[in-house]
Amino acid sequence: MANNYSALKRIRQAKKRTEANRRNITRTRTQVKKLQKAVAGSDAEAAGKLVPVTASTLDKAVQKGILTKNGAARLKSRLTRRANALAK
């Protein structure tokens, strides 16, 4: 156990940051899975609506340090390509 005030503060800060990161990771994964499910189910309308929402979520994940810039771009590209293939 920590035995000084600065160490106790660091423990509190780490706990807060861990919870925030976990929320952001969960939000991102859930949004990606929703879009993947719509694409897998051949639901072009739902996929079309989910693409911009998912792209926004991925961009926010990059800002928060959850994903790398190129990783998010690659994922957005793949998901958008699949959703556009359904629309045709």
PDB file of N, CA and C in Angstrom:
ATOM      1  N   MET A   1       0.845  -1.189   0.000  1.00  0.00           N
ATOM      2  CA  MET A   1       0.000   0.000   0.000  1.00  0.00           C
ATOM      3  C   MET A   1       0.884   1.244   0.000  1.00  0.00           C
ATOM      4  N   ALA A   2       0.411   2.253  -0.687  1.00  0.00           N
ATOM      5  CA  ALA A   2       1.157   3.506  -0.755  1.00  0.00           C
ATOM      6  C   ALA A   2       1.211   4.151   0.627  1.00  0.00           C
ATOM      7  N   ASN A   3       2.320   4.794   0.905  1.00  0.00           N
ATOM      8  CA  ASN A   3       2.460   5.367   2.238  1.00  0.00           C
ATOM      9  C   ASN A   3       2.752   6.861   2.212  1.00  0.00           C
ATOM     10  N   ASN A   4       2.503   7.535   1.090  1.00  0.00           N
ATOM     11  CA  ASN A   4       2.587   8.994   1.100  1.00  0.00           C
ATOM     12  C   ASN A   4       1.470   9.570   0.232  1.00  0.00           C
ATOM     13  N   TYR A   5       1.250  10.858   0.376  1.00  0.00           N
ATOM     14  CA  TYR A   5       0.097  11.475  -0.270  1.00  0.00           C
ATOM     15  C   TYR A   5       0.208  11.462  -1.790  1.00  0.00           C
ATOM     16  N   SER A   6       1.385  11.684  -2.323  1.00  0.00           N
ATOM     17  CA  SER A   6       1.528  11.734  -3.776  1.00  0.00           C
ATOM     18  C   SER A   6       1.261  10.365  -4.404  1.00  0.00           C
ATOM     19  N   ALA A   7       1.678   9.300  -3.712  1.00  0.00           N
ATOM     20  CA  ALA A   7       1.427   7.953  -4.227  1.00  0.00           C
ATOM     21  C   ALA A   7      -0.064   7.633  -4.174  1.00  0.00           C
ATOM     22  N   LEU A   8      -0.732   8.065  -3.110  1.00  0.00           N
ATOM     23  CA  LEU A   8      -2.179   7.851  -3.003  1.00  0.00           C
ATOM     24  C   LEU A   8      -2.920   8.601  -4.110  1.00  0.00           C
ATOM     25  N   LYS A   9      -2.462   9.818  -4.396  1.00  0.00           N
ATOM     26  CA  LYS A   9      -3.078  10.608  -5.461  1.00  0.00           C
ATOM     27  C   LYS A   9      -2.872   9.912  -6.809  1.00  0.00           C
ATOM     28  N   ARG A  10      -1.686   9.398  -7.045  1.00  0.00           N
ATOM     29  CA  ARG A  10      -1.406   8.687  -8.293  1.00  0.00           C
ATOM     30  C   ARG A  10      -2.330   7.473  -8.452  1.00  0.00           C
ATOM     31  N   ILE A  11      -2.591   6.795  -7.371  1.00  0.00           N
ATOM     32  CA  ILE A  11      -3.491   5.640  -7.413  1.00  0.00           C
ATOM     33  C   ILE A  11      -4.897   6.087  -7.801  1.00  0.00           C
ATOM     34  N   ARG A  12      -5.367   7.196  -7.210  1.00  0.00           N
ATOM     35  CA  ARG A  12      -6.699   7.719  -7.557  1.00  0.00           C
ATOM     36  C   ARG A  12      -6.756   8.133  -9.016  1.00  0.00           C
ATOM     37  N   GLN A  13      -5.711   8.806  -9.488  1.00  0.00           N
ATOM     38  CA  GLN A  13      -5.687   9.260 -10.877  1.00  0.00           C
ATOM     39  C   GLN A  13      -5.686   8.073 -11.849  1.00  0.00           C
ATOM     40  N   ALA A  14      -4.896   7.069 -11.538  1.00  0.00           N
ATOM     41  CA  ALA A  14      -4.814   5.894 -12.412  1.00  0.00           C
ATOM     42  C   ALA A  14      -6.163   5.187 -12.498  1.00  0.00           C
ATOM     43  N   LYS A  15      -6.853   5.137 -11.367  1.00  0.00           N
ATOM     44  CA  LYS A  15      -8.169   4.486 -11.347  1.00  0.00           C
ATOM     45  C   LYS A  15      -9.163   5.241 -12.231  1.00  0.00           C
ATOM     46  N   LYS A  16      -9.172   6.571 -12.135  1.00  0.00           N
ATOM     47  CA  LYS A  16     -10.064   7.389 -12.964  1.00  0.00           C
ATOM     48  C   LYS A  16      -9.746   7.221 -14.443  1.00  0.00           C
ATOM     49  N   ARG A  17      -8.461   7.262 -14.775  1.00  0.00           N
ATOM     50  CA  ARG A  17      -8.055   7.154 -16.172  1.00  0.00           C
ATOM     51  C   ARG A  17      -8.374   5.777 -16.730  1.00  0.00           C
ATOM     52  N   THR A  18      -8.200   4.740 -15.919  1.00  0.00           N
ATOM     53  CA  THR A  18      -8.503   3.384 -16.356  1.00  0.00           C
ATOM     54  C   THR A  18      -9.984   3.251 -16.679  1.00  0.00           C
ATOM     55  N   GLU A  19     -10.831   3.803 -15.826  1.00  0.00           N
ATOM     56  CA  GLU A  19     -12.273   3.737 -16.060  1.00  0.00           C
ATOM     57  C   GLU A  19     -12.655   4.499 -17.326  1.00  0.00           C
ATOM     58  N   ALA A  20     -12.079   5.673 -17.532  1.00  0.00           N
ATOM     59  CA  ALA A  20     -12.376   6.468 -18.723  1.00  0.00           C
ATOM     60  C   ALA A  20     -11.914   5.736 -19.981  1.00  0.00           C
ATOM     61  N   ASN A  21     -10.722   5.171 -19.936  1.00  0.00           N
ATOM     62  CA  ASN A  21     -10.208   4.432 -21.093  1.00  0.00           C
ATOM     63  C   ASN A  21     -11.077   3.226 -21.397  1.00  0.00           C
ATOM     64  N   ARG A  22     -11.502   2.535 -20.366  1.00  0.00           N
ATOM     65  CA  ARG A  22     -12.335   1.349 -20.571  1.00  0.00           C
ATOM     66  C   ARG A  22     -13.666   1.733 -21.220  1.00  0.00           C
ATOM     67  N   ARG A  23     -14.257   2.852 -20.780  1.00  0.00           N
ATOM     68  CA  ARG A  23     -15.505   3.324 -21.393  1.00  0.00           C
ATOM     69  C   ARG A  23     -15.306   3.636 -22.868  1.00  0.00           C
ATOM     70  N   ASN A  24     -14.220   4.318 -23.180  1.00  0.00           N
ATOM     71  CA  ASN A  24     -13.955   4.700 -24.567  1.00  0.00           C
ATOM     72  C   ASN A  24     -13.686   3.484 -25.447  1.00  0.00           C
ATOM     73  N   ILE A  25     -12.938   2.525 -24.947  1.00  0.00           N
ATOM     74  CA  ILE A  25     -12.652   1.309 -25.705  1.00  0.00           C
ATOM     75  C   ILE A  25     -13.938   0.544 -25.964  1.00  0.00           C
ATOM     76  N   THR A  26     -14.762   0.416 -24.938  1.00  0.00           N
ATOM     77  CA  THR A  26     -16.021  -0.308 -25.063  1.00  0.00           C
ATOM     78  C   THR A  26     -16.937   0.368 -26.072  1.00  0.00           C
ATOM     79  N   ARG A  27     -17.039   1.686 -26.002  1.00  0.00           N
ATOM     80  CA  ARG A  27     -17.891   2.442 -26.927  1.00  0.00           C
ATOM     81  C   ARG A  27     -17.434   2.211 -28.366  1.00  0.00           C
ATOM     82  N   THR A  28     -16.129   2.253 -28.586  1.00  0.00           N
ATOM     83  CA  THR A  28     -15.584   2.082 -29.929  1.00  0.00           C
ATOM     84  C   THR A  28     -15.853   0.683 -30.458  1.00  0.00           C
ATOM     85  N   ARG A  29     -15.553  -0.313 -29.666  1.00  0.00           N
ATOM     86  CA  ARG A  29     -15.755  -1.703 -30.105  1.00  0.00           C
ATOM     87  C   ARG A  29     -17.221  -1.985 -30.388  1.00  0.00           C
ATOM     88  N   THR A  30     -18.103  -1.488 -29.538  1.00  0.00           N
ATOM     89  CA  THR A  30     -19.531  -1.721 -29.708  1.00  0.00           C
ATOM     90  C   THR A  30     -20.020  -1.110 -31.011  1.00  0.00           C
ATOM     91  N   GLN A  31     -19.577   0.105 -31.304  1.00  0.00           N
ATOM     92  CA  GLN A  31     -20.015   0.784 -32.524  1.00  0.00           C
ATOM     93  C   GLN A  31     -19.528   0.038 -33.763  1.00  0.00           C
ATOM     94  N   VAL A  32     -18.289  -0.432 -33.733  1.00  0.00           N
ATOM     95  CA  VAL A  32     -17.740  -1.177 -34.869  1.00  0.00           C
ATOM     96  C   VAL A  32     -18.516  -2.483 -35.054  1.00  0.00           C
ATOM     97  N   LYS A  33     -18.826  -3.154 -33.960  1.00  0.00           N
ATOM     98  CA  LYS A  33     -19.564  -4.409 -34.043  1.00  0.00           C
ATOM     99  C   LYS A  33     -20.970  -4.200 -34.587  1.00  0.00           C
ATOM    100  N   LYS A  34     -21.616  -3.089 -34.226  1.00  0.00           N
ATOM    101  CA  LYS A  34     -22.952  -2.790 -34.756  1.00  0.00           C
ATOM    102  C   LYS A  34     -22.907  -2.680 -36.272  1.00  0.00           C
ATOM    103  N   LEU A  35     -21.903  -1.962 -36.776  1.00  0.00           N
ATOM    104  CA  LEU A  35     -21.781  -1.798 -38.223  1.00  0.00           C
ATOM    105  C   LEU A  35     -21.452  -3.130 -38.892  1.00  0.00           C
ATOM    106  N   GLN A  36     -20.568  -3.902 -38.304  1.00  0.00           N
ATOM    107  CA  GLN A  36     -20.215  -5.198 -38.867  1.00  0.00           C
ATOM    108  C   GLN A  36     -21.431  -6.122 -38.913  1.00  0.00           C
ATOM    109  N   LYS A  37     -22.253  -6.048 -37.882  1.00  0.00           N
ATOM    110  CA  LYS A  37     -23.456  -6.880 -37.836  1.00  0.00           C
ATOM    111  C   LYS A  37     -24.443  -6.462 -38.925  1.00  0.00           C
ATOM    112  N   ALA A  38     -24.590  -5.162 -39.138  1.00  0.00           N
ATOM    113  CA  ALA A  38     -25.489  -4.671 -40.185  1.00  0.00           C
ATOM    114  C   ALA A  38     -24.986  -5.108 -41.558  1.00  0.00           C
ATOM    115  N   VAL A  39     -23.676  -5.055 -41.767  1.00  0.00           N
ATOM    116  CA  VAL A  39     -23.108  -5.472 -43.050  1.00  0.00           C
ATOM    117  C   VAL A  39     -23.268  -6.975 -43.235  1.00  0.00           C
ATOM    118  N   ALA A  40     -23.011  -7.738 -42.185  1.00  0.00           N
ATOM    119  CA  ALA A  40     -23.139  -9.194 -42.270  1.00  0.00           C
ATOM    120  C   ALA A  40     -24.584  -9.608 -42.520  1.00  0.00           C
ATOM    121  N   GLY A  41     -25.527  -8.842 -41.982  1.00  0.00           N
ATOM    122  CA  GLY A  41     -26.941  -9.143 -42.166  1.00  0.00           C
ATOM    123  C   GLY A  41     -27.514  -8.564 -43.445  1.00  0.00           C
ATOM    124  N   SER A  42     -26.664  -7.984 -44.279  1.00  0.00           N
ATOM    125  CA  SER A  42     -27.070  -7.388 -45.562  1.00  0.00           C
ATOM    126  C   SER A  42     -28.131  -6.308 -45.390  1.00  0.00           C
ATOM    127  N   ASP A  43     -28.045  -5.559 -44.315  1.00  0.00           N
ATOM    128  CA  ASP A  43     -28.982  -4.458 -44.065  1.00  0.00           C
ATOM    129  C   ASP A  43     -28.339  -3.158 -44.533  1.00  0.00           C
ATOM    130  N   ALA A  44     -28.551  -2.830 -45.817  1.00  0.00           N
ATOM    131  CA  ALA A  44     -27.885  -1.684 -46.430  1.00  0.00           C
ATOM    132  C   ALA A  44     -28.313  -0.363 -45.794  1.00  0.00           C
ATOM    133  N   GLU A  45     -29.573  -0.257 -45.448  1.00  0.00           N
ATOM    134  CA  GLU A  45     -30.076   1.004 -44.867  1.00  0.00           C
ATOM    135  C   GLU A  45     -29.429   1.283 -43.505  1.00  0.00           C
ATOM    136  N   ALA A  46     -29.420   0.260 -42.650  1.00  0.00           N
ATOM    137  CA  ALA A  46     -28.819   0.422 -41.324  1.00  0.00           C
ATOM    138  C   ALA A  46     -27.315   0.674 -41.446  1.00  0.00           C
ATOM    139  N   ALA A  47     -26.669  -0.042 -42.353  1.00  0.00           N
ATOM    140  CA  ALA A  47     -25.227   0.136 -42.539  1.00  0.00           C
ATOM    141  C   ALA A  47     -24.929   1.558 -43.008  1.00  0.00           C
ATOM    142  N   GLY A  48     -25.753   2.077 -43.902  1.00  0.00           N
ATOM    143  CA  GLY A  48     -25.558   3.441 -44.395  1.00  0.00           C
ATOM    144  C   GLY A  48     -25.667   4.475 -43.297  1.00  0.00           C
ATOM    145  N   LYS A  49     -26.581   4.246 -42.371  1.00  0.00           N
ATOM    146  CA  LYS A  49     -26.750   5.179 -41.253  1.00  0.00           C
ATOM    147  C   LYS A  49     -25.621   5.052 -40.226  1.00  0.00           C
ATOM    148  N   LEU A  50     -25.093   3.848 -40.092  1.00  0.00           N
ATOM    149  CA  LEU A  50     -24.081   3.599 -39.072  1.00  0.00           C
ATOM    150  C   LEU A  50     -22.669   4.009 -39.504  1.00  0.00           C
ATOM    151  N   VAL A  51     -22.418   4.114 -40.798  1.00  0.00           N
ATOM    152  CA  VAL A  51     -21.067   4.436 -41.266  1.00  0.00           C
ATOM    153  C   VAL A  51     -20.564   5.770 -40.705  1.00  0.00           C
ATOM    154  N   PRO A  52     -21.307   6.882 -40.848  1.00  0.00           N
ATOM    155  CA  PRO A  52     -20.775   8.148 -40.315  1.00  0.00           C
ATOM    156  C   PRO A  52     -20.649   8.152 -38.791  1.00  0.00           C
ATOM    157  N   VAL A  53     -21.562   7.477 -38.115  1.00  0.00           N
ATOM    158  CA  VAL A  53     -21.490   7.415 -36.648  1.00  0.00           C
ATOM    159  C   VAL A  53     -20.247   6.641 -36.219  1.00  0.00           C
ATOM    160  N   THR A  54     -19.997   5.534 -36.902  1.00  0.00           N
ATOM    161  CA  THR A  54     -18.824   4.720 -36.579  1.00  0.00           C
ATOM    162  C   THR A  54     -17.536   5.469 -36.894  1.00  0.00           C
ATOM    163  N   ALA A  55     -17.511   6.170 -38.016  1.00  0.00           N
ATOM    164  CA  ALA A  55     -16.314   6.943 -38.383  1.00  0.00           C
ATOM    165  C   ALA A  55     -16.030   8.006 -37.332  1.00  0.00           C
ATOM    166  N   SER A  56     -17.072   8.666 -36.860  1.00  0.00           N
ATOM    167  CA  SER A  56     -16.910   9.678 -35.821  1.00  0.00           C
ATOM    168  C   SER A  56     -16.380   9.060 -34.534  1.00  0.00           C
ATOM    169  N   THR A  57     -16.915   7.904 -34.175  1.00  0.00           N
ATOM    170  CA  THR A  57     -16.465   7.215 -32.962  1.00  0.00           C
ATOM    171  C   THR A  57     -14.995   6.826 -33.076  1.00  0.00           C
ATOM    172  N   LEU A  58     -14.587   6.353 -34.247  1.00  0.00           N
ATOM    173  CA  LEU A  58     -13.190   5.976 -34.450  1.00  0.00           C
ATOM    174  C   LEU A  58     -12.277   7.199 -34.380  1.00  0.00           C
ATOM    175  N   ASP A  59     -12.730   8.325 -34.939  1.00  0.00           N
ATOM    176  CA  ASP A  59     -11.940   9.554 -34.860  1.00  0.00           C
ATOM    177  C   ASP A  59     -11.769  10.010 -33.417  1.00  0.00           C
ATOM    178  N   LYS A  60     -12.818   9.885 -32.634  1.00  0.00           N
ATOM    179  CA  LYS A  60     -12.729  10.257 -31.213  1.00  0.00           C
ATOM    180  C   LYS A  60     -11.776   9.326 -30.474  1.00  0.00           C
ATOM    181  N   ALA A  61     -11.786   8.049 -30.851  1.00  0.00           N
ATOM    182  CA  ALA A  61     -10.877   7.088 -30.221  1.00  0.00           C
ATOM    183  C   ALA A  61      -9.429   7.460 -30.517  1.00  0.00           C
ATOM    184  N   VAL A  62      -9.172   7.978 -31.713  1.00  0.00           N
ATOM    185  CA  VAL A  62      -7.817   8.420 -32.054  1.00  0.00           C
ATOM    186  C   VAL A  62      -7.422   9.606 -31.185  1.00  0.00           C
ATOM    187  N   GLN A  63      -8.343  10.558 -31.020  1.00  0.00           N
ATOM    188  CA  GLN A  63      -8.060  11.738 -30.201  1.00  0.00           C
ATOM    189  C   GLN A  63      -7.754  11.363 -28.757  1.00  0.00           C
ATOM    190  N   LYS A  64      -8.407  10.317 -28.277  1.00  0.00           N
ATOM    191  CA  LYS A  64      -8.230   9.910 -26.886  1.00  0.00           C
ATOM    192  C   LYS A  64      -7.084   8.910 -26.710  1.00  0.00           C
ATOM    193  N   GLY A  65      -6.432   8.539 -27.816  1.00  0.00           N
ATOM    194  CA  GLY A  65      -5.279   7.650 -27.730  1.00  0.00           C
ATOM    195  C   GLY A  65      -5.634   6.182 -27.661  1.00  0.00           C
ATOM    196  N   ILE A  66      -6.855   5.823 -28.000  1.00  0.00           N
ATOM    197  CA  ILE A  66      -7.275   4.425 -27.954  1.00  0.00           C
ATOM    198  C   ILE A  66      -6.770   3.676 -29.181  1.00  0.00           C
ATOM    199  N   LEU A  67      -6.828   4.329 -30.346  1.00  0.00           N
ATOM    200  CA  LEU A  67      -6.358   3.752 -31.598  1.00  0.00           C
ATOM    201  C   LEU A  67      -5.301   4.663 -32.213  1.00  0.00           C
ATOM    202  N   THR A  68      -4.495   4.079 -33.102  1.00  0.00           N
ATOM    203  CA  THR A  68      -3.571   4.911 -33.862  1.00  0.00           C
ATOM    204  C   THR A  68      -4.314   5.518 -35.047  1.00  0.00           C
ATOM    205  N   LYS A  69      -3.777   6.587 -35.570  1.00  0.00           N
ATOM    206  CA  LYS A  69      -4.410   7.293 -36.685  1.00  0.00           C
ATOM    207  C   LYS A  69      -4.575   6.368 -37.894  1.00  0.00           C
ATOM    208  N   ASN A  70      -3.510   5.657 -38.252  1.00  0.00           N
ATOM    209  CA  ASN A  70      -3.572   4.780 -39.418  1.00  0.00           C
ATOM    210  C   ASN A  70      -4.465   3.571 -39.177  1.00  0.00           C
ATOM    211  N   GLY A  71      -4.476   3.061 -37.962  1.00  0.00           N
ATOM    212  CA  GLY A  71      -5.332   1.922 -37.642  1.00  0.00           C
ATOM    213  C   GLY A  71      -6.801   2.275 -37.793  1.00  0.00           C
ATOM    214  N   ALA A  72      -7.166   3.462 -37.313  1.00  0.00           N
ATOM    215  CA  ALA A  72      -8.554   3.908 -37.436  1.00  0.00           C
ATOM    216  C   ALA A  72      -8.904   4.164 -38.893  1.00  0.00           C
ATOM    217  N   ALA A  73      -7.984   4.754 -39.652  1.00  0.00           N
ATOM    218  CA  ALA A  73      -8.231   5.029 -41.067  1.00  0.00           C
ATOM    219  C   ALA A  73      -8.426   3.725 -41.829  1.00  0.00           C
ATOM    220  N   ARG A  74      -7.617   2.740 -41.520  1.00  0.00           N
ATOM    221  CA  ARG A  74      -7.731   1.441 -42.182  1.00  0.00           C
ATOM    222  C   ARG A  74      -9.075   0.790 -41.875  1.00  0.00           C
ATOM    223  N   LEU A  75      -9.479   0.857 -40.620  1.00  0.00           N
ATOM    224  CA  LEU A  75     -10.755   0.263 -40.211  1.00  0.00           C
ATOM    225  C   LEU A  75     -11.930   0.988 -40.854  1.00  0.00           C
ATOM    226  N   LYS A  76     -11.871   2.333 -40.890  1.00  0.00           N
ATOM    227  CA  LYS A  76     -12.936   3.110 -41.522  1.00  0.00           C
ATOM    228  C   LYS A  76     -13.037   2.763 -43.007  1.00  0.00           C
ATOM    229  N   SER A  77     -11.907   2.636 -43.647  1.00  0.00           N
ATOM    230  CA  SER A  77     -11.886   2.329 -45.070  1.00  0.00           C
ATOM    231  C   SER A  77     -12.517   0.966 -45.350  1.00  0.00           C
ATOM    232  N   ARG A  78     -12.144  -0.020 -44.582  1.00  0.00           N
ATOM    233  CA  ARG A  78     -12.668  -1.375 -44.787  1.00  0.00           C
ATOM    234  C   ARG A  78     -14.172  -1.432 -44.538  1.00  0.00           C
ATOM    235  N   LEU A  79     -14.601  -0.816 -43.453  1.00  0.00           N
ATOM    236  CA  LEU A  79     -16.027  -0.846 -43.121  1.00  0.00           C
ATOM    237  C   LEU A  79     -16.850  -0.077 -44.151  1.00  0.00           C
ATOM    238  N   THR A  80     -16.345   1.066 -44.596  1.00  0.00           N
ATOM    239  CA  THR A  80     -17.056   1.867 -45.582  1.00  0.00           C
ATOM    240  C   THR A  80     -17.153   1.121 -46.909  1.00  0.00           C
ATOM    241  N   ARG A  81     -16.069   0.461 -47.298  1.00  0.00           N
ATOM    242  CA  ARG A  81     -16.074  -0.309 -48.542  1.00  0.00           C
ATOM    243  C   ARG A  81     -17.132  -1.397 -48.502  1.00  0.00           C
ATOM    244  N   ARG A  82     -17.224  -2.100 -47.385  1.00  0.00           N
ATOM    245  CA  ARG A  82     -18.225  -3.168 -47.252  1.00  0.00           C
ATOM    246  C   ARG A  82     -19.638  -2.625 -47.262  1.00  0.00           C
ATOM    247  N   ALA A  83     -19.851  -1.499 -46.584  1.00  0.00           N
ATOM    248  CA  ALA A  83     -21.190  -0.889 -46.544  1.00  0.00           C
ATOM    249  C   ALA A  83     -21.583  -0.391 -47.925  1.00  0.00           C
ATOM    250  N   ASN A  84     -20.625   0.187 -48.664  1.00  0.00           N
ATOM    251  CA  ASN A  84     -20.924   0.689 -50.015  1.00  0.00           C
ATOM    252  C   ASN A  84     -21.223  -0.463 -50.971  1.00  0.00           C
ATOM    253  N   ALA A  85     -20.562  -1.601 -50.773  1.00  0.00           N
ATOM    254  CA  ALA A  85     -20.825  -2.766 -51.629  1.00  0.00           C
ATOM    255  C   ALA A  85     -22.264  -3.248 -51.440  1.00  0.00           C
ATOM    256  N   LEU A  86     -22.797  -3.110 -50.243  1.00  0.00           N
ATOM    257  CA  LEU A  86     -24.187  -3.508 -49.978  1.00  0.00           C
ATOM    258  C   LEU A  86     -25.165  -2.578 -50.701  1.00  0.00           C
ATOM    259  N   ALA A  87     -24.825  -1.313 -50.745  1.00  0.00           N
ATOM    260  CA  ALA A  87     -25.724  -0.314 -51.326  1.00  0.00           C
ATOM    261  C   ALA A  87     -25.907  -0.506 -52.824  1.00  0.00           C
ATOM    262  N   LYS A  88     -24.913  -1.120 -53.462  1.00  0.00           N
ATOM    263  CA  LYS A  88     -24.986  -1.302 -54.926  1.00  0.00           C
ATOM    264  C   LYS A  88     -25.827  -2.483 -55.319  1.00  0.00           C
TER     265      LYS A  88
END
